[in-house]
Amino acid sequence: MEKAFSLYASVAIGLTATSVDAQSIRLTKDDLQKRANGVLALMSFSIVPDITTSSLSIGSGNATATSGSSEFFMTQLGGGDTISKSVPIYLEGVIAASRYDPTFVATQGTEQRRVPTRWNSLSATGGIGYDFKLTDELKLRPIFNVALGNVTSDLRAASWYVGKQTDKDINFLDRGSLNAYGLGGSLMLDYEHYRPGYEVDVELRYSDIRLKSFESSAAVQGNAAARSANLWARYRAPTGATLLQRPLRYVLELTHSEFLGDQKGALGFDRLTSVGLGLELDSSAYKIPISRTRLVGRYVTGKNVSGFSIGLAVSF
């Protein structure tokens, strides 16, 4: 990571998937319980800092009159770094928003009707760790993480139809709420190889955060485990051009994530790989809070999913 605090955000340009499918709706307690666990599994993508999932926009695009469809969108804003060499305390934070729009199929005898819903999620994660110096360029960093999230559901115009079919557990689907907290930790190896002509950063991270619902709509109680392993590498070197009295650098980036907990298969993939290319502007010659600004375009690929995103990061 940077010697100063880094803040990043990403926006999806176009990810497509073929395996995000909804199921026929059955408004029973057991069915809603599974959906509560499922929506927390989707939230688990947003509570762990990860370039590959910092921006996702996925749609099945295969809905018919008798089959459901789903759309999922998520974006992340976060960052983290060590305070200083003399105070090797590491701090990180992530806030994320997501929207999951499953369309279910309700049936009664021979009658079938598509039922659109919208589940909106907000989450925040904080982490505090400590750097144990293994060599001049390699650190071991255990991190304690705390997460908090909320999911709200809006049945919208379809509530009248579902209300006719059943009076069970409708409260969550129709403007219900699910609150969740998460506790866990991460273990990171951080390698920093800096030379006058180039800079190399490599991080290997394993995260395990457990989500559990609390003070939610009576119809739903959920839990999920966010477990993932992530490899992130970045190479920076001067382009030969000078801007703002400093070299303009090009940036090469590689990220690979393996999803091991309830995230595995939740969106149709078990792993994602991202390759990125961008530019970094150095403004440290001026007395302004921002020292570096990076703009990186990324191509993301995995089973049943591929697409592009653009990430913006600043260092202070």
Protein backbone atom coordinates (compact mmCIF):
# COMPACT_ATOMS: atom_id res chain seq x y z
CA MET A 1 0.00 0.00 0.00
CA GLU A 2 0.98 3.67 -0.12
CA LYS A 3 2.96 5.30 2.65
CA ALA A 4 -0.03 7.61 3.00
CA PHE A 5 -3.70 6.77 3.39
CA SER A 6 -5.25 5.60 0.12
CA LEU A 7 -8.90 5.99 -0.84
CA TYR A 8 -10.41 4.10 -3.76
CA ALA A 9 -13.71 3.83 -5.57
CA SER A 10 -14.85 1.93 -8.65
CA VAL A 11 -17.74 2.14 -11.08
CA ALA A 12 -18.82 -0.80 -13.21
CA ILE A 13 -19.01 -0.13 -16.93
CA GLY A 14 -20.51 -3.43 -18.02
CA LEU A 15 -20.38 -6.81 -16.31
CA THR A 16 -22.60 -9.53 -17.65
CA ALA A 17 -23.52 -12.87 -16.15
CA THR A 18 -25.56 -15.87 -17.16
CA SER A 19 -26.24 -17.57 -13.84
CA VAL A 20 -28.02 -15.09 -11.56
CA ASP A 21 -31.44 -16.72 -11.49
CA ALA A 22 -34.39 -16.23 -9.18
CA GLN A 23 -36.61 -19.02 -7.88
CA SER A 24 -40.37 -19.40 -7.79
CA ILE A 25 -41.72 -17.50 -4.83
CA ARG A 26 -43.19 -19.45 -1.91
CA LEU A 27 -43.85 -17.13 1.00
CA THR A 28 -43.28 -19.60 3.82
CA LYS A 29 -41.08 -19.04 6.84
CA ASP A 30 -38.48 -21.57 5.70
CA ASP A 31 -38.30 -20.03 2.25
CA LEU A 32 -37.87 -16.50 3.59
CA GLN A 33 -35.24 -17.80 6.02
CA LYS A 34 -33.21 -19.11 3.08
CA ARG A 35 -33.62 -15.78 1.30
CA ALA A 36 -32.46 -13.90 4.41
CA ASN A 37 -29.32 -16.03 4.49
CA GLY A 38 -28.92 -15.46 0.77
CA VAL A 39 -29.17 -11.68 0.97
CA LEU A 40 -26.54 -11.65 3.73
CA ALA A 41 -24.34 -13.80 1.52
CA LEU A 42 -24.63 -11.07 -1.13
CA MET A 43 -23.80 -8.43 1.52
CA SER A 44 -20.65 -10.39 2.36
CA PHE A 45 -19.19 -9.35 -1.01
CA SER A 46 -19.21 -5.72 0.16
CA ILE A 47 -17.73 -5.98 3.66
CA VAL A 48 -14.25 -7.20 2.64
CA PRO A 49 -11.95 -4.77 0.77
CA ASP A 50 -11.44 -6.35 -2.66
CA ILE A 51 -10.69 -4.75 -6.02
CA THR A 52 -12.45 -7.53 -7.94
CA THR A 53 -15.77 -6.87 -6.16
CA SER A 54 -15.44 -3.12 -5.59
CA SER A 55 -17.81 -2.65 -8.51
CA LEU A 56 -20.27 -5.25 -9.75
CA SER A 57 -23.25 -4.84 -12.05
CA ILE A 58 -24.81 -8.14 -13.03
CA GLY A 59 -28.07 -9.03 -14.74
CA SER A 60 -29.41 -12.37 -15.88
CA GLY A 61 -31.25 -10.94 -18.84
CA ASN A 62 -33.24 -14.13 -19.41
CA ALA A 63 -36.56 -13.47 -17.74
CA THR A 64 -39.75 -14.89 -19.21
CA ALA A 65 -43.36 -14.95 -18.12
CA THR A 66 -42.73 -18.18 -16.24
CA SER A 67 -39.19 -17.71 -14.99
CA GLY A 68 -37.74 -15.16 -12.62
CA SER A 69 -34.76 -12.92 -13.16
CA SER A 70 -32.31 -11.06 -10.95
CA GLU A 71 -30.18 -7.97 -11.18
CA PHE A 72 -27.37 -7.09 -8.79
CA PHE A 73 -25.36 -3.87 -8.46
CA MET A 74 -22.67 -3.03 -5.91
CA THR A 75 -20.09 -0.29 -5.44
CA GLN A 76 -17.42 0.19 -2.76
CA LEU A 77 -15.49 3.16 -1.35
CA GLY A 78 -12.65 2.41 1.01
CA GLY A 79 -8.97 2.47 1.82
CA GLY A 80 -6.38 1.83 4.44
CA ASP A 81 -2.72 2.05 5.40
CA THR A 82 -0.21 1.97 8.23
CA ILE A 83 0.00 5.17 10.28
CA SER A 84 3.80 5.38 10.06
CA LYS A 85 6.98 3.33 10.42
CA SER A 86 7.31 4.43 14.04
CA VAL A 87 3.62 3.67 14.75
CA PRO A 88 2.97 0.43 12.82
CA ILE A 89 -0.79 0.40 13.44
CA TYR A 90 -2.82 -0.35 10.34
CA LEU A 91 -6.29 1.17 9.85
CA GLU A 92 -8.81 0.41 7.10
CA GLY A 93 -12.41 1.22 6.32
CA VAL A 94 -14.95 0.34 3.63
CA ILE A 95 -18.46 1.59 2.94
CA ALA A 96 -20.56 -0.07 0.25
CA ALA A 97 -24.01 0.07 -1.28
CA SER A 98 -25.74 -2.63 -3.28
CA ARG A 99 -29.10 -3.26 -4.89
CA TYR A 100 -30.51 -6.69 -5.61
CA ASP A 101 -33.65 -6.77 -7.78
CA PRO A 102 -34.94 -10.33 -7.86
CA THR A 103 -38.09 -10.99 -9.85
CA PHE A 104 -39.93 -14.04 -8.55
CA VAL A 105 -42.69 -16.09 -10.11
CA ALA A 106 -45.77 -16.58 -7.96
CA THR A 107 -48.08 -19.43 -8.87
CA GLN A 108 -51.57 -20.45 -7.86
CA GLY A 109 -52.85 -23.42 -9.80
CA THR A 110 -52.43 -22.60 -13.48
CA GLU A 111 -52.06 -18.86 -12.89
CA GLN A 112 -48.54 -17.42 -12.92
CA ARG A 113 -47.39 -13.88 -12.39
CA ARG A 114 -43.98 -12.23 -12.18
CA VAL A 115 -43.44 -10.45 -8.85
CA PRO A 116 -40.73 -7.74 -8.85
CA THR A 117 -38.98 -6.81 -5.60
CA ARG A 118 -36.08 -4.56 -4.67
CA TRP A 119 -33.58 -5.20 -1.87
CA ASN A 120 -31.25 -2.28 -1.06
CA SER A 121 -28.21 -2.78 1.13
CA LEU A 122 -25.78 -0.45 2.92
CA SER A 123 -22.76 -1.66 4.86
CA ALA A 124 -19.64 -0.35 6.58
CA THR A 125 -16.56 -2.22 7.73
CA GLY A 126 -13.69 -1.06 9.90
CA GLY A 127 -10.41 -2.77 10.64
CA ILE A 128 -7.43 -2.27 12.93
CA GLY A 129 -4.21 -4.22 12.64
CA TYR A 130 -0.55 -4.23 13.51
CA ASP A 131 2.48 -4.60 11.25
CA PHE A 132 5.05 -7.19 12.27
CA LYS A 133 8.23 -6.55 10.29
CA LEU A 134 9.65 -9.78 8.83
CA THR A 135 12.23 -8.13 6.55
CA ASP A 136 12.86 -4.58 5.33
CA GLU A 137 10.28 -5.14 2.57
CA LEU A 138 7.92 -7.77 4.00
CA LYS A 139 5.34 -7.37 6.81
CA LEU A 140 2.85 -9.71 8.46
CA ARG A 141 -0.38 -7.90 9.33
CA PRO A 142 -3.19 -9.42 11.44
CA ILE A 143 -6.39 -7.31 11.31
CA PHE A 144 -9.49 -7.30 13.48
CA ASN A 145 -12.65 -6.40 11.52
CA VAL A 146 -16.11 -5.15 12.54
CA ALA A 147 -18.97 -4.74 10.06
CA LEU A 148 -22.48 -3.31 10.19
CA GLY A 149 -25.11 -3.52 7.47
CA ASN A 150 -28.78 -3.03 6.66
CA VAL A 151 -31.03 -4.52 3.96
CA THR A 152 -34.43 -3.02 3.19
CA SER A 153 -37.00 -4.69 0.98
CA ASP A 154 -39.67 -3.05 -1.15
CA LEU A 155 -42.32 -5.18 -2.82
CA ARG A 156 -43.63 -2.09 -4.58
CA ALA A 157 -46.61 -2.53 -6.91
CA ALA A 158 -46.60 -6.32 -6.66
CA SER A 159 -47.63 -6.36 -3.00
CA TRP A 160 -51.35 -6.46 -3.84
CA TYR A 161 -50.93 -9.70 -5.77
CA VAL A 162 -48.82 -11.47 -3.17
CA GLY A 163 -51.19 -10.26 -0.48
CA LYS A 164 -54.04 -12.03 -2.27
CA GLN A 165 -52.11 -15.29 -2.37
CA THR A 166 -50.85 -15.46 1.21
CA ASP A 167 -50.84 -13.54 4.45
CA LYS A 168 -47.69 -15.23 5.82
CA ASP A 169 -44.38 -13.46 6.31
CA ILE A 170 -45.26 -10.65 3.91
CA ASN A 171 -43.81 -7.98 6.22
CA PHE A 172 -40.20 -8.47 5.16
CA LEU A 173 -40.88 -8.40 1.43
CA ASP A 174 -43.10 -5.33 1.76
CA ARG A 175 -40.83 -2.61 3.20
CA GLY A 176 -39.21 -4.91 5.72
CA SER A 177 -35.71 -4.52 7.12
CA LEU A 178 -32.84 -6.82 8.00
CA ASN A 179 -29.98 -5.51 10.15
CA ALA A 180 -26.70 -7.39 10.43
CA TYR A 181 -23.41 -7.11 12.26
CA GLY A 182 -20.17 -8.90 11.51
CA LEU A 183 -17.10 -9.84 13.51
CA GLY A 184 -13.95 -11.47 12.26
CA GLY A 185 -10.47 -10.79 11.03
CA SER A 186 -7.92 -10.94 8.27
CA LEU A 187 -4.31 -11.97 7.91
CA MET A 188 -2.18 -10.18 5.34
CA LEU A 189 1.34 -10.45 3.94
CA ASP A 190 2.43 -7.06 2.58
CA TYR A 191 5.47 -6.80 0.29
CA GLU A 192 6.78 -3.36 -0.75
CA HIS A 193 9.74 -3.15 -3.14
CA TYR A 194 10.44 0.50 -3.96
CA ARG A 195 13.29 1.66 -6.20
CA PRO A 196 13.95 5.06 -7.89
CA GLY A 197 12.90 3.71 -11.28
CA TYR A 198 9.88 1.61 -10.27
CA GLU A 199 7.68 0.47 -7.39
CA VAL A 200 6.20 -2.97 -6.69
CA ASP A 201 3.42 -3.70 -4.17
CA VAL A 202 2.09 -7.20 -3.47
CA GLU A 203 -0.52 -8.21 -0.87
CA LEU A 204 -1.79 -11.67 0.00
CA ARG A 205 -4.85 -11.59 2.24
CA TYR A 206 -7.18 -14.13 3.87
CA SER A 207 -10.38 -12.77 5.44
CA ASP A 208 -13.04 -14.43 7.60
CA ILE A 209 -15.97 -12.29 8.81
CA ARG A 210 -19.22 -13.77 10.17
CA LEU A 211 -22.46 -11.88 9.58
CA LYS A 212 -25.53 -12.30 11.79
CA SER A 213 -28.86 -10.47 11.78
CA PHE A 214 -30.27 -8.53 14.74
CA GLU A 215 -33.38 -6.42 15.46
CA SER A 216 -34.83 -7.28 12.05
CA SER A 217 -38.32 -7.95 10.72
CA ALA A 218 -39.86 -10.81 12.64
CA ALA A 219 -40.14 -12.96 9.52
CA VAL A 220 -36.40 -13.22 8.88
CA GLN A 221 -33.25 -14.04 10.80
CA GLY A 222 -30.11 -14.68 8.80
CA ASN A 223 -26.41 -15.43 8.98
CA ALA A 224 -23.55 -15.75 6.51
CA ALA A 225 -19.80 -16.31 6.48
CA ALA A 226 -17.62 -14.02 4.34
CA ARG A 227 -14.42 -15.99 3.70
CA SER A 228 -12.07 -15.14 0.86
CA ALA A 229 -8.43 -15.26 -0.23
CA ASN A 230 -7.06 -12.44 -2.35
CA LEU A 231 -3.81 -11.75 -4.20
CA TRP A 232 -3.21 -8.15 -5.30
CA ALA A 233 -0.13 -6.84 -7.15
CA ARG A 234 0.73 -3.44 -8.61
CA TYR A 235 3.69 -2.16 -10.64
CA ARG A 236 4.35 1.55 -11.19
CA ALA A 237 7.03 3.20 -13.33
CA PRO A 238 7.57 6.58 -15.05
CA THR A 239 6.15 7.07 -18.53
CA GLY A 240 8.87 9.59 -19.44
CA ALA A 241 6.44 12.52 -19.26
CA THR A 242 6.40 15.12 -16.48
CA LEU A 243 3.28 16.74 -15.04
CA LEU A 244 2.96 18.97 -11.95
CA GLN A 245 6.79 18.90 -11.63
CA ARG A 246 6.75 15.12 -11.05
CA PRO A 247 7.01 12.07 -13.34
CA LEU A 248 3.73 10.78 -14.74
CA ARG A 249 3.64 7.06 -13.95
CA TYR A 250 1.88 4.18 -15.65
CA VAL A 251 0.25 1.53 -13.48
CA LEU A 252 -0.09 -2.20 -14.08
CA GLU A 253 -2.33 -4.19 -11.74
CA LEU A 254 -3.33 -7.83 -11.17
CA THR A 255 -5.89 -9.13 -8.66
CA HIS A 256 -7.24 -12.62 -8.07
CA SER A 257 -9.88 -13.54 -5.48
CA GLU A 258 -11.11 -16.95 -4.32
CA PHE A 259 -14.49 -16.97 -2.52
CA LEU A 260 -14.59 -19.71 0.09
CA GLY A 261 -17.60 -19.01 2.32
CA ASP A 262 -21.24 -18.29 1.56
CA GLN A 263 -20.10 -16.01 -1.27
CA LYS A 264 -19.04 -19.10 -3.21
CA GLY A 265 -21.48 -19.56 -6.06
CA ALA A 266 -23.90 -16.92 -4.73
CA LEU A 267 -23.57 -14.92 -7.96
CA GLY A 268 -22.64 -17.85 -10.18
CA PHE A 269 -18.84 -17.73 -9.73
CA ASP A 270 -16.28 -19.00 -7.21
CA ARG A 271 -13.39 -16.75 -8.22
CA LEU A 272 -12.66 -13.51 -10.06
CA THR A 273 -9.53 -12.21 -11.78
CA SER A 274 -8.90 -8.58 -12.64
CA VAL A 275 -6.16 -6.99 -14.78
CA GLY A 276 -5.75 -3.24 -14.84
CA LEU A 277 -3.91 -0.50 -16.71
CA GLY A 278 -3.84 3.15 -15.75
CA LEU A 279 -1.98 6.36 -15.00
CA GLU A 280 -0.85 7.96 -11.75
CA LEU A 281 -0.47 11.71 -11.27
CA ASP A 282 1.94 12.88 -8.55
CA SER A 283 0.98 16.21 -6.95
CA SER A 284 3.35 16.03 -3.98
CA ALA A 285 5.30 19.06 -5.22
CA TYR A 286 2.36 21.27 -4.19
CA LYS A 287 0.98 22.03 -0.75
CA ILE A 288 -2.31 20.20 -1.18
CA PRO A 289 -3.69 17.24 0.84
CA ILE A 290 -3.72 14.82 -2.13
CA SER A 291 -0.27 13.50 -3.02
CA ARG A 292 -1.16 11.01 -5.76
CA THR A 293 -4.18 10.33 -7.97
CA ARG A 294 -4.64 7.10 -9.94
CA LEU A 295 -7.13 6.28 -12.69
CA VAL A 296 -7.19 2.58 -13.60
CA GLY A 297 -9.31 0.69 -16.10
CA ARG A 298 -9.85 -2.97 -15.23
CA TYR A 299 -11.04 -6.05 -17.06
CA VAL A 300 -12.69 -8.59 -14.74
CA THR A 301 -13.34 -12.20 -15.63
CA GLY A 302 -14.60 -15.35 -13.94
CA LYS A 303 -16.96 -18.25 -14.53
CA ASN A 304 -20.11 -16.88 -16.23
CA VAL A 305 -19.01 -13.27 -15.75
CA SER A 306 -16.80 -10.74 -17.53
CA GLY A 307 -16.71 -6.98 -17.91
CA PHE A 308 -14.97 -3.67 -17.38
CA SER A 309 -14.75 -1.10 -14.60
CA ILE A 310 -12.96 2.17 -13.93
CA GLY A 311 -11.35 2.86 -10.55
CA LEU A 312 -10.26 6.17 -9.06
CA ALA A 313 -7.89 6.28 -6.08
CA VAL A 314 -6.21 9.11 -4.18
CA SER A 315 -3.44 9.08 -1.59
CA PHE A 316 -3.04 11.63 1.19
